[in-house]
């Protein structure tokens, strides 16, 4: 399972109402190769229907899609949003990450 905090859900909804490309789209979460620790998170809005192998999660009206390969690395993760002094953006709290880089955008499992 992947959880979404209230703060992250609110920000996703805000983006969906202000960005034409995100309107009526689902948030797709992926893990791709790259970054200083080996794997990176990737977020994007997807208007396509969920694939048969996608995992689908919904929280407070926000629909999240994850491909089955990425889910192996993301199971148990919480997607949060930070707007503090240290930067603004989505934050992944991933219990599967054995090591992360300093900026928190890449990890190894």
PDB file of N, CA and C in Angstrom:
ATOM      1  N   UNK A   1       0.838  -1.181   0.000  1.00  0.00           N
ATOM      2  CA  UNK A   1       0.000   0.000   0.000  1.00  0.00           C
ATOM      3  C   UNK A   1       0.882   1.242   0.000  1.00  0.00           C
ATOM      4  N   UNK A   2       0.385   2.276  -0.626  1.00  0.00           N
ATOM      5  CA  UNK A   2       1.033   3.582  -0.598  1.00  0.00           C
ATOM      6  C   UNK A   2       0.040   4.569   0.004  1.00  0.00           C
ATOM      7  N   UNK A   3       0.491   5.301   1.008  1.00  0.00           N
ATOM      8  CA  UNK A   3      -0.379   6.266   1.689  1.00  0.00           C
ATOM      9  C   UNK A   3      -0.071   7.676   1.182  1.00  0.00           C
ATOM     10  N   UNK A   4      -1.073   8.526   1.258  1.00  0.00           N
ATOM     11  CA  UNK A   4      -0.932   9.928   0.872  1.00  0.00           C
ATOM     12  C   UNK A   4      -1.369  10.771   2.066  1.00  0.00           C
ATOM     13  N   UNK A   5      -0.545  11.693   2.509  1.00  0.00           N
ATOM     14  CA  UNK A   5      -0.923  12.545   3.631  1.00  0.00           C
ATOM     15  C   UNK A   5      -1.958  13.573   3.183  1.00  0.00           C
ATOM     16  N   UNK A   6      -2.635  14.158   4.146  1.00  0.00           N
ATOM     17  CA  UNK A   6      -3.609  15.210   3.843  1.00  0.00           C
ATOM     18  C   UNK A   6      -2.959  16.357   3.079  1.00  0.00           C
ATOM     19  N   UNK A   7      -1.762  16.734   3.506  1.00  0.00           N
ATOM     20  CA  UNK A   7      -1.052  17.846   2.884  1.00  0.00           C
ATOM     21  C   UNK A   7      -0.712  17.540   1.423  1.00  0.00           C
ATOM     22  N   UNK A   8      -0.278  16.307   1.147  1.00  0.00           N
ATOM     23  CA  UNK A   8       0.047  15.912  -0.228  1.00  0.00           C
ATOM     24  C   UNK A   8      -1.219  15.877  -1.080  1.00  0.00           C
ATOM     25  N   UNK A   9      -2.299  15.332  -0.547  1.00  0.00           N
ATOM     26  CA  UNK A   9      -3.562  15.277  -1.292  1.00  0.00           C
ATOM     27  C   UNK A   9      -4.050  16.682  -1.639  1.00  0.00           C
ATOM     28  N   UNK A  10      -3.932  17.586  -0.702  1.00  0.00           N
ATOM     29  CA  UNK A  10      -4.358  18.972  -0.938  1.00  0.00           C
ATOM     30  C   UNK A  10      -3.538  19.614  -2.048  1.00  0.00           C
ATOM     31  N   UNK A  11      -2.228  19.379  -2.059  1.00  0.00           N
ATOM     32  CA  UNK A  11      -1.359  19.951  -3.094  1.00  0.00           C
ATOM     33  C   UNK A  11      -1.648  19.312  -4.461  1.00  0.00           C
ATOM     34  N   UNK A  12      -1.878  18.026  -4.507  1.00  0.00           N
ATOM     35  CA  UNK A  12      -2.204  17.358  -5.769  1.00  0.00           C
ATOM     36  C   UNK A  12      -3.498  17.930  -6.339  1.00  0.00           C
ATOM     37  N   UNK A  13      -4.499  18.123  -5.495  1.00  0.00           N
ATOM     38  CA  UNK A  13      -5.772  18.701  -5.942  1.00  0.00           C
ATOM     39  C   UNK A  13      -5.571  20.138  -6.436  1.00  0.00           C
ATOM     40  N   UNK A  14      -4.717  20.889  -5.757  1.00  0.00           N
ATOM     41  CA  UNK A  14      -4.444  22.268  -6.174  1.00  0.00           C
ATOM     42  C   UNK A  14      -3.823  22.278  -7.573  1.00  0.00           C
ATOM     43  N   UNK A  15      -2.870  21.395  -7.797  1.00  0.00           N
ATOM     44  CA  UNK A  15      -2.228  21.310  -9.109  1.00  0.00           C
ATOM     45  C   UNK A  15      -3.253  20.915 -10.169  1.00  0.00           C
ATOM     46  N   UNK A  16      -4.121  19.979  -9.836  1.00  0.00           N
ATOM     47  CA  UNK A  16      -5.120  19.518 -10.799  1.00  0.00           C
ATOM     48  C   UNK A  16      -6.117  20.614 -11.180  1.00  0.00           C
ATOM     49  N   UNK A  17      -6.324  21.574 -10.308  1.00  0.00           N
ATOM     50  CA  UNK A  17      -7.259  22.657 -10.641  1.00  0.00           C
ATOM     51  C   UNK A  17      -6.576  23.830 -11.341  1.00  0.00           C
ATOM     52  N   UNK A  18      -5.256  23.942 -11.226  1.00  0.00           N
ATOM     53  CA  UNK A  18      -4.556  25.083 -11.814  1.00  0.00           C
ATOM     54  C   UNK A  18      -3.757  24.740 -13.068  1.00  0.00           C
ATOM     55  N   UNK A  19      -3.499  23.477 -13.306  1.00  0.00           N
ATOM     56  CA  UNK A  19      -2.686  23.057 -14.454  1.00  0.00           C
ATOM     57  C   UNK A  19      -3.559  22.243 -15.408  1.00  0.00           C
ATOM     58  N   UNK A  20      -3.738  22.754 -16.602  1.00  0.00           N
ATOM     59  CA  UNK A  20      -4.613  22.105 -17.591  1.00  0.00           C
ATOM     60  C   UNK A  20      -4.188  20.669 -17.896  1.00  0.00           C
ATOM     61  N   UNK A  21      -2.878  20.399 -17.929  1.00  0.00           N
ATOM     62  CA  UNK A  21      -2.409  19.047 -18.246  1.00  0.00           C
ATOM     63  C   UNK A  21      -2.693  18.059 -17.117  1.00  0.00           C
ATOM     64  N   UNK A  22      -2.908  18.555 -15.910  1.00  0.00           N
ATOM     65  CA  UNK A  22      -3.176  17.684 -14.765  1.00  0.00           C
ATOM     66  C   UNK A  22      -4.670  17.491 -14.503  1.00  0.00           C
ATOM     67  N   UNK A  23      -5.485  18.333 -15.118  1.00  0.00           N
ATOM     68  CA  UNK A  23      -6.930  18.266 -14.902  1.00  0.00           C
ATOM     69  C   UNK A  23      -7.464  16.925 -15.393  1.00  0.00           C
ATOM     70  N   UNK A  24      -8.302  16.283 -14.590  1.00  0.00           N
ATOM     71  CA  UNK A  24      -8.906  14.985 -14.911  1.00  0.00           C
ATOM     72  C   UNK A  24      -7.867  13.893 -15.141  1.00  0.00           C
ATOM     73  N   UNK A  25      -6.728  13.995 -14.478  1.00  0.00           N
ATOM     74  CA  UNK A  25      -5.673  12.996 -14.613  1.00  0.00           C
ATOM     75  C   UNK A  25      -5.387  12.360 -13.260  1.00  0.00           C
ATOM     76  N   UNK A  26      -4.792  11.188 -13.309  1.00  0.00           N
ATOM     77  CA  UNK A  26      -4.361  10.482 -12.097  1.00  0.00           C
ATOM     78  C   UNK A  26      -2.881  10.782 -11.877  1.00  0.00           C
ATOM     79  N   UNK A  27      -2.456  10.707 -10.640  1.00  0.00           N
ATOM     80  CA  UNK A  27      -1.040  10.886 -10.347  1.00  0.00           C
ATOM     81  C   UNK A  27      -0.341   9.540 -10.478  1.00  0.00           C
ATOM     82  N   UNK A  28       0.652   9.468 -11.356  1.00  0.00           N
ATOM     83  CA  UNK A  28       1.416   8.233 -11.524  1.00  0.00           C
ATOM     84  C   UNK A  28       2.737   8.388 -10.783  1.00  0.00           C
ATOM     85  N   UNK A  29       3.056   7.384  -9.963  1.00  0.00           N
ATOM     86  CA  UNK A  29       4.301   7.357  -9.203  1.00  0.00           C
ATOM     87  C   UNK A  29       5.147   6.219  -9.749  1.00  0.00           C
ATOM     88  N   UNK A  30       6.414   6.520 -10.052  1.00  0.00           N
ATOM     89  CA  UNK A  30       7.310   5.518 -10.626  1.00  0.00           C
ATOM     90  C   UNK A  30       8.667   5.560  -9.940  1.00  0.00           C
ATOM     91  N   UNK A  31       9.374   4.458 -10.060  1.00  0.00           N
ATOM     92  CA  UNK A  31      10.770   4.382  -9.662  1.00  0.00           C
ATOM     93  C   UNK A  31      11.545   4.125 -10.945  1.00  0.00           C
ATOM     94  N   UNK A  32      12.549   4.964 -11.195  1.00  0.00           N
ATOM     95  CA  UNK A  32      13.374   4.812 -12.392  1.00  0.00           C
ATOM     96  C   UNK A  32      14.834   4.731 -11.978  1.00  0.00           C
ATOM     97  N   UNK A  33      15.648   4.154 -12.821  1.00  0.00           N
ATOM     98  CA  UNK A  33      17.079   4.091 -12.561  1.00  0.00           C
ATOM     99  C   UNK A  33      17.694   5.466 -12.669  1.00  0.00           C
ATOM    100  N   UNK A  34      18.628   5.769 -11.790  1.00  0.00           N
ATOM    101  CA  UNK A  34      19.323   7.051 -11.850  1.00  0.00           C
ATOM    102  C   UNK A  34      19.456   7.680 -10.486  1.00  0.00           C
ATOM    103  N   UNK A  35      20.074   8.820 -10.450  1.00  0.00           N
ATOM    104  CA  UNK A  35      20.308   9.509  -9.182  1.00  0.00           C
ATOM    105  C   UNK A  35      21.579   9.005  -8.537  1.00  0.00           C
ATOM    106  N   UNK A  36      22.045   9.707  -7.539  1.00  0.00           N
ATOM    107  CA  UNK A  36      23.320   9.351  -6.923  1.00  0.00           C
ATOM    108  C   UNK A  36      23.253   8.079  -6.077  1.00  0.00           C
ATOM    109  N   UNK A  37      22.041   7.614  -5.733  1.00  0.00           N
ATOM    110  CA  UNK A  37      21.937   6.382  -4.945  1.00  0.00           C
ATOM    111  C   UNK A  37      21.445   5.193  -5.765  1.00  0.00           C
ATOM    112  N   UNK A  38      21.169   5.392  -7.047  1.00  0.00           N
ATOM    113  CA  UNK A  38      20.811   4.267  -7.910  1.00  0.00           C
ATOM    114  C   UNK A  38      19.400   4.285  -8.471  1.00  0.00           C
ATOM    115  N   UNK A  39      18.424   4.725  -7.690  1.00  0.00           N
ATOM    116  CA  UNK A  39      17.046   4.788  -8.154  1.00  0.00           C
ATOM    117  C   UNK A  39      16.439   6.128  -7.755  1.00  0.00           C
ATOM    118  N   UNK A  40      15.545   6.636  -8.606  1.00  0.00           N
ATOM    119  CA  UNK A  40      14.895   7.921  -8.346  1.00  0.00           C
ATOM    120  C   UNK A  40      13.388   7.786  -8.430  1.00  0.00           C
ATOM    121  N   UNK A  41      12.716   8.675  -7.735  1.00  0.00           N
ATOM    122  CA  UNK A  41      11.259   8.746  -7.789  1.00  0.00           C
ATOM    123  C   UNK A  41      10.855   9.644  -8.949  1.00  0.00           C
ATOM    124  N   UNK A  42       9.744   9.307  -9.581  1.00  0.00           N
ATOM    125  CA  UNK A  42       9.224  10.143 -10.653  1.00  0.00           C
ATOM    126  C   UNK A  42       7.715  10.263 -10.479  1.00  0.00           C
ATOM    127  N   UNK A  43       7.222  11.491 -10.514  1.00  0.00           N
ATOM    128  CA  UNK A  43       5.790  11.780 -10.419  1.00  0.00           C
ATOM    129  C   UNK A  43       5.336  12.419 -11.719  1.00  0.00           C
ATOM    130  N   UNK A  44       4.131  12.081 -12.142  1.00  0.00           N
ATOM    131  CA  UNK A  44       3.572  12.713 -13.328  1.00  0.00           C
ATOM    132  C   UNK A  44       2.079  12.467 -13.389  1.00  0.00           C
ATOM    133  N   UNK A  45       1.382  13.338 -14.088  1.00  0.00           N
ATOM    134  CA  UNK A  45      -0.055  13.160 -14.246  1.00  0.00           C
ATOM    135  C   UNK A  45      -0.314  12.362 -15.511  1.00  0.00           C
ATOM    136  N   UNK A  46      -1.254  11.424 -15.426  1.00  0.00           N
ATOM    137  CA  UNK A  46      -1.535  10.488 -16.504  1.00  0.00           C
ATOM    138  C   UNK A  46      -3.039  10.448 -16.738  1.00  0.00           C
ATOM    139  N   UNK A  47      -3.443  10.784 -17.953  1.00  0.00           N
ATOM    140  CA  UNK A  47      -4.870  10.764 -18.281  1.00  0.00           C
ATOM    141  C   UNK A  47      -5.323   9.405 -18.797  1.00  0.00           C
ATOM    142  N   UNK A  48      -4.382   8.515 -19.064  1.00  0.00           N
ATOM    143  CA  UNK A  48      -4.724   7.177 -19.550  1.00  0.00           C
ATOM    144  C   UNK A  48      -5.352   6.353 -18.430  1.00  0.00           C
ATOM    145  N   UNK A  49      -6.122   5.379 -18.827  1.00  0.00           N
ATOM    146  CA  UNK A  49      -6.702   4.461 -17.849  1.00  0.00           C
ATOM    147  C   UNK A  49      -5.591   3.618 -17.239  1.00  0.00           C
ATOM    148  N   UNK A  50      -5.842   3.124 -16.048  1.00  0.00           N
ATOM    149  CA  UNK A  50      -4.865   2.276 -15.382  1.00  0.00           C
ATOM    150  C   UNK A  50      -4.639   1.007 -16.203  1.00  0.00           C
ATOM    151  N   UNK A  51      -3.384   0.597 -16.317  1.00  0.00           N
ATOM    152  CA  UNK A  51      -3.060  -0.664 -16.985  1.00  0.00           C
ATOM    153  C   UNK A  51      -3.486  -1.819 -16.085  1.00  0.00           C
ATOM    154  N   UNK A  52      -3.644  -2.975 -16.680  1.00  0.00           N
ATOM    155  CA  UNK A  52      -4.078  -4.153 -15.918  1.00  0.00           C
ATOM    156  C   UNK A  52      -3.129  -4.481 -14.773  1.00  0.00           C
ATOM    157  N   UNK A  53      -1.853  -4.200 -14.950  1.00  0.00           N
ATOM    158  CA  UNK A  53      -0.855  -4.534 -13.931  1.00  0.00           C
ATOM    159  C   UNK A  53      -0.596  -3.409 -12.931  1.00  0.00           C
ATOM    160  N   UNK A  54      -1.247  -2.255 -13.136  1.00  0.00           N
ATOM    161  CA  UNK A  54      -1.065  -1.131 -12.205  1.00  0.00           C
ATOM    162  C   UNK A  54      -1.737  -1.407 -10.869  1.00  0.00           C
ATOM    163  N   UNK A  55      -1.141  -0.900  -9.828  1.00  0.00           N
ATOM    164  CA  UNK A  55      -1.766  -0.857  -8.512  1.00  0.00           C
ATOM    165  C   UNK A  55      -2.422   0.515  -8.400  1.00  0.00           C
ATOM    166  N   UNK A  56      -3.627   0.559  -7.876  1.00  0.00           N
ATOM    167  CA  UNK A  56      -4.366   1.812  -7.757  1.00  0.00           C
ATOM    168  C   UNK A  56      -4.679   2.083  -6.295  1.00  0.00           C
ATOM    169  N   UNK A  57      -4.410   3.308  -5.868  1.00  0.00           N
ATOM    170  CA  UNK A  57      -4.696   3.727  -4.499  1.00  0.00           C
ATOM    171  C   UNK A  57      -5.463   5.037  -4.569  1.00  0.00           C
ATOM    172  N   UNK A  58      -6.382   5.223  -3.637  1.00  0.00           N
ATOM    173  CA  UNK A  58      -7.150   6.460  -3.622  1.00  0.00           C
ATOM    174  C   UNK A  58      -7.238   6.984  -2.201  1.00  0.00           C
ATOM    175  N   UNK A  59      -7.064   8.296  -2.080  1.00  0.00           N
ATOM    176  CA  UNK A  59      -7.166   8.946  -0.784  1.00  0.00           C
ATOM    177  C   UNK A  59      -7.817  10.302  -0.980  1.00  0.00           C
ATOM    178  N   UNK A  60      -8.921  10.509  -0.340  1.00  0.00           N
ATOM    179  CA  UNK A  60      -9.610  11.806  -0.351  1.00  0.00           C
ATOM    180  C   UNK A  60      -9.801  12.344  -1.774  1.00  0.00           C
ATOM    181  N   UNK A  61     -10.190  11.465  -2.685  1.00  0.00           N
ATOM    182  CA  UNK A  61     -10.454  11.875  -4.056  1.00  0.00           C
ATOM    183  C   UNK A  61      -9.238  11.933  -4.961  1.00  0.00           C
ATOM    184  N   UNK A  62      -8.052  11.641  -4.440  1.00  0.00           N
ATOM    185  CA  UNK A  62      -6.827  11.625  -5.245  1.00  0.00           C
ATOM    186  C   UNK A  62      -6.537  10.180  -5.611  1.00  0.00           C
ATOM    187  N   UNK A  63      -6.433   9.922  -6.922  1.00  0.00           N
ATOM    188  CA  UNK A  63      -6.147   8.577  -7.400  1.00  0.00           C
ATOM    189  C   UNK A  63      -4.681   8.480  -7.788  1.00  0.00           C
ATOM    190  N   UNK A  64      -4.018   7.467  -7.250  1.00  0.00           N
ATOM    191  CA  UNK A  64      -2.597   7.245  -7.457  1.00  0.00           C
ATOM    192  C   UNK A  64      -2.419   5.934  -8.207  1.00  0.00           C
ATOM    193  N   UNK A  65      -1.622   5.939  -9.281  1.00  0.00           N
ATOM    194  CA  UNK A  65      -1.320   4.740 -10.056  1.00  0.00           C
ATOM    195  C   UNK A  65       0.155   4.406  -9.918  1.00  0.00           C
ATOM    196  N   UNK A  66       0.453   3.112  -9.744  1.00  0.00           N
ATOM    197  CA  UNK A  66       1.835   2.653  -9.620  1.00  0.00           C
ATOM    198  C   UNK A  66       1.987   1.384 -10.444  1.00  0.00           C
ATOM    199  N   UNK A  67       2.984   1.355 -11.334  1.00  0.00           N
ATOM    200  CA  UNK A  67       3.215   0.131 -12.096  1.00  0.00           C
ATOM    201  C   UNK A  67       3.746  -0.946 -11.158  1.00  0.00           C
ATOM    202  N   UNK A  68       3.568  -2.208 -11.531  1.00  0.00           N
ATOM    203  CA  UNK A  68       3.890  -3.320 -10.632  1.00  0.00           C
ATOM    204  C   UNK A  68       5.380  -3.389 -10.288  1.00  0.00           C
ATOM    205  N   UNK A  69       6.257  -3.023 -11.215  1.00  0.00           N
ATOM    206  CA  UNK A  69       7.695  -3.049 -10.926  1.00  0.00           C
ATOM    207  C   UNK A  69       8.057  -1.986  -9.887  1.00  0.00           C
ATOM    208  N   UNK A  70       7.543  -0.778 -10.061  1.00  0.00           N
ATOM    209  CA  UNK A  70       7.817   0.294  -9.093  1.00  0.00           C
ATOM    210  C   UNK A  70       7.236  -0.033  -7.724  1.00  0.00           C
ATOM    211  N   UNK A  71       6.094  -0.720  -7.710  1.00  0.00           N
ATOM    212  CA  UNK A  71       5.442  -1.041  -6.442  1.00  0.00           C
ATOM    213  C   UNK A  71       6.336  -1.905  -5.560  1.00  0.00           C
ATOM    214  N   UNK A  72       7.178  -2.738  -6.164  1.00  0.00           N
ATOM    215  CA  UNK A  72       8.098  -3.565  -5.373  1.00  0.00           C
ATOM    216  C   UNK A  72       8.982  -2.706  -4.476  1.00  0.00           C
ATOM    217  N   UNK A  73       9.330  -1.504  -4.938  1.00  0.00           N
ATOM    218  CA  UNK A  73      10.192  -0.601  -4.183  1.00  0.00           C
ATOM    219  C   UNK A  73       9.410   0.413  -3.346  1.00  0.00           C
ATOM    220  N   UNK A  74       8.109   0.558  -3.622  1.00  0.00           N
ATOM    221  CA  UNK A  74       7.319   1.607  -2.972  1.00  0.00           C
ATOM    222  C   UNK A  74       6.309   1.096  -1.945  1.00  0.00           C
ATOM    223  N   UNK A  75       6.131  -0.197  -1.836  1.00  0.00           N
ATOM    224  CA  UNK A  75       5.143  -0.736  -0.899  1.00  0.00           C
ATOM    225  C   UNK A  75       5.439  -0.248   0.519  1.00  0.00           C
ATOM    226  N   UNK A  76       4.460   0.358   1.155  1.00  0.00           N
ATOM    227  CA  UNK A  76       4.622   0.885   2.507  1.00  0.00           C
ATOM    228  C   UNK A  76       5.035   2.348   2.555  1.00  0.00           C
ATOM    229  N   UNK A  77       5.237   2.954   1.402  1.00  0.00           N
ATOM    230  CA  UNK A  77       5.683   4.348   1.313  1.00  0.00           C
ATOM    231  C   UNK A  77       4.542   5.315   1.604  1.00  0.00           C
ATOM    232  N   UNK A  78       4.873   6.440   2.204  1.00  0.00           N
ATOM    233  CA  UNK A  78       3.926   7.537   2.401  1.00  0.00           C
ATOM    234  C   UNK A  78       4.399   8.723   1.571  1.00  0.00           C
ATOM    235  N   UNK A  79       3.487   9.252   0.748  1.00  0.00           N
ATOM    236  CA  UNK A  79       3.775  10.445  -0.049  1.00  0.00           C
ATOM    237  C   UNK A  79       3.299  11.656   0.735  1.00  0.00           C
ATOM    238  N   UNK A  80       4.218  12.573   1.006  1.00  0.00           N
ATOM    239  CA  UNK A  80       3.912  13.774   1.778  1.00  0.00           C
ATOM    240  C   UNK A  80       4.279  14.991   0.943  1.00  0.00           C
ATOM    241  N   UNK A  81       3.925  16.170   1.433  1.00  0.00           N
ATOM    242  CA  UNK A  81       4.297  17.419   0.777  1.00  0.00           C
ATOM    243  C   UNK A  81       4.889  18.342   1.818  1.00  0.00           C
ATOM    244  N   UNK A  82       6.037  18.924   1.487  1.00  0.00           N
ATOM    245  CA  UNK A  82       6.719  19.842   2.399  1.00  0.00           C
ATOM    246  C   UNK A  82       6.725  21.240   1.792  1.00  0.00           C
ATOM    247  N   UNK A  83       6.399  22.223   2.606  1.00  0.00           N
ATOM    248  CA  UNK A  83       6.476  23.614   2.156  1.00  0.00           C
ATOM    249  C   UNK A  83       7.210  24.445   3.191  1.00  0.00           C
ATOM    250  N   UNK A  84       8.209  23.833   3.791  1.00  0.00           N
ATOM    251  CA  UNK A  84       8.968  24.484   4.851  1.00  0.00           C
ATOM    252  C   UNK A  84      10.161  25.258   4.336  1.00  0.00           C
ATOM    253  N   UNK A  85      10.981  25.710   5.253  1.00  0.00           N
ATOM    254  CA  UNK A  85      12.152  26.518   4.935  1.00  0.00           C
ATOM    255  C   UNK A  85      13.222  25.738   4.180  1.00  0.00           C
ATOM    256  N   UNK A  86      13.232  24.410   4.330  1.00  0.00           N
ATOM    257  CA  UNK A  86      14.243  23.587   3.662  1.00  0.00           C
ATOM    258  C   UNK A  86      13.872  23.241   2.231  1.00  0.00           C
ATOM    259  N   UNK A  87      12.770  23.762   1.734  1.00  0.00           N
ATOM    260  CA  UNK A  87      12.369  23.493   0.358  1.00  0.00           C
ATOM    261  C   UNK A  87      10.922  23.078   0.257  1.00  0.00           C
ATOM    262  N   UNK A  88      10.404  23.204  -0.955  1.00  0.00           N
ATOM    263  CA  UNK A  88       9.023  22.870  -1.226  1.00  0.00           C
ATOM    264  C   UNK A  88       8.984  21.719  -2.216  1.00  0.00           C
ATOM    265  N   UNK A  89       8.148  20.736  -1.946  1.00  0.00           N
ATOM    266  CA  UNK A  89       8.000  19.634  -2.888  1.00  0.00           C
ATOM    267  C   UNK A  89       7.459  18.392  -2.216  1.00  0.00           C
ATOM    268  N   UNK A  90       7.242  17.392  -3.040  1.00  0.00           N
ATOM    269  CA  UNK A  90       6.751  16.119  -2.537  1.00  0.00           C
ATOM    270  C   UNK A  90       7.898  15.343  -1.908  1.00  0.00           C
ATOM    271  N   UNK A  91       7.587  14.634  -0.826  1.00  0.00           N
ATOM    272  CA  UNK A  91       8.576  13.887  -0.061  1.00  0.00           C
ATOM    273  C   UNK A  91       8.104  12.443   0.046  1.00  0.00           C
ATOM    274  N   UNK A  92       9.008  11.510  -0.217  1.00  0.00           N
ATOM    275  CA  UNK A  92       8.709  10.088  -0.104  1.00  0.00           C
ATOM    276  C   UNK A  92       9.302   9.569   1.198  1.00  0.00           C
ATOM    277  N   UNK A  93       8.454   9.036   2.065  1.00  0.00           N
ATOM    278  CA  UNK A  93       8.919   8.366   3.278  1.00  0.00           C
ATOM    279  C   UNK A  93       8.814   6.871   2.992  1.00  0.00           C
ATOM    280  N   UNK A  94       9.940   6.314   2.530  1.00  0.00           N
ATOM    281  CA  UNK A  94       9.983   4.954   2.011  1.00  0.00           C
ATOM    282  C   UNK A  94      10.726   4.026   2.962  1.00  0.00           C
ATOM    283  N   UNK A  95      10.009   3.086   3.589  1.00  0.00           N
ATOM    284  CA  UNK A  95      10.672   2.162   4.518  1.00  0.00           C
ATOM    285  C   UNK A  95      11.568   1.148   3.816  1.00  0.00           C
ATOM    286  N   UNK A  96      11.462   1.035   2.493  1.00  0.00           N
ATOM    287  CA  UNK A  96      12.279   0.087   1.729  1.00  0.00           C
ATOM    288  C   UNK A  96      13.638   0.651   1.350  1.00  0.00           C
ATOM    289  N   UNK A  97      13.824   1.948   1.512  1.00  0.00           N
ATOM    290  CA  UNK A  97      15.087   2.591   1.138  1.00  0.00           C
ATOM    291  C   UNK A  97      16.155   2.238   2.170  1.00  0.00           C
ATOM    292  N   UNK A  98      17.200   1.590   1.696  1.00  0.00           N
ATOM    293  CA  UNK A  98      18.314   1.222   2.579  1.00  0.00           C
ATOM    294  C   UNK A  98      19.281   2.390   2.734  1.00  0.00           C
ATOM    295  N   UNK A  99      19.347   3.213   1.676  1.00  0.00           N
ATOM    296  CA  UNK A  99      20.242   4.369   1.673  1.00  0.00           C
ATOM    297  C   UNK A  99      19.608   5.438   0.796  1.00  0.00           C
ATOM    298  N   UNK A 100      19.733   6.695   1.193  1.00  0.00           N
ATOM    299  CA  UNK A 100      19.225   7.799   0.375  1.00  0.00           C
ATOM    300  C   UNK A 100      20.340   8.810   0.182  1.00  0.00           C
ATOM    301  N   UNK A 101      20.175   9.633  -0.830  1.00  0.00           N
ATOM    302  CA  UNK A 101      21.155  10.701  -1.045  1.00  0.00           C
ATOM    303  C   UNK A 101      20.805  11.875  -0.135  1.00  0.00           C
ATOM    304  N   UNK A 102      21.643  12.860  -0.110  1.00  0.00           N
ATOM    305  CA  UNK A 102      21.450  14.018   0.752  1.00  0.00           C
ATOM    306  C   UNK A 102      20.183  14.796   0.457  1.00  0.00           C
ATOM    307  N   UNK A 103      19.800  14.867  -0.812  1.00  0.00           N
ATOM    308  CA  UNK A 103      18.608  15.645  -1.156  1.00  0.00           C
ATOM    309  C   UNK A 103      17.326  14.824  -1.015  1.00  0.00           C
ATOM    310  N   UNK A 104      17.429  13.506  -0.854  1.00  0.00           N
ATOM    311  CA  UNK A 104      16.253  12.668  -0.665  1.00  0.00           C
ATOM    312  C   UNK A 104      15.524  12.304  -1.939  1.00  0.00           C
ATOM    313  N   UNK A 105      16.099  12.626  -3.104  1.00  0.00           N
ATOM    314  CA  UNK A 105      15.437  12.325  -4.382  1.00  0.00           C
ATOM    315  C   UNK A 105      15.827  10.988  -4.969  1.00  0.00           C
ATOM    316  N   UNK A 106      16.854  10.356  -4.445  1.00  0.00           N
ATOM    317  CA  UNK A 106      17.224   9.031  -4.933  1.00  0.00           C
ATOM    318  C   UNK A 106      17.514   8.128  -3.742  1.00  0.00           C
ATOM    319  N   UNK A 107      17.460   6.814  -4.027  1.00  0.00           N
ATOM    320  CA  UNK A 107      17.609   5.838  -2.950  1.00  0.00           C
ATOM    321  C   UNK A 107      18.136   4.523  -3.515  1.00  0.00           C
ATOM    322  N   UNK A 108      18.540   3.653  -2.624  1.00  0.00           N
ATOM    323  CA  UNK A 108      18.856   2.279  -2.999  1.00  0.00           C
ATOM    324  C   UNK A 108      18.066   1.374  -2.069  1.00  0.00           C
ATOM    325  N   UNK A 109      17.701   0.213  -2.597  1.00  0.00           N
ATOM    326  CA  UNK A 109      16.889  -0.730  -1.818  1.00  0.00           C
ATOM    327  C   UNK A 109      17.606  -2.039  -1.645  1.00  0.00           C
TER     328      UNK A 109
END
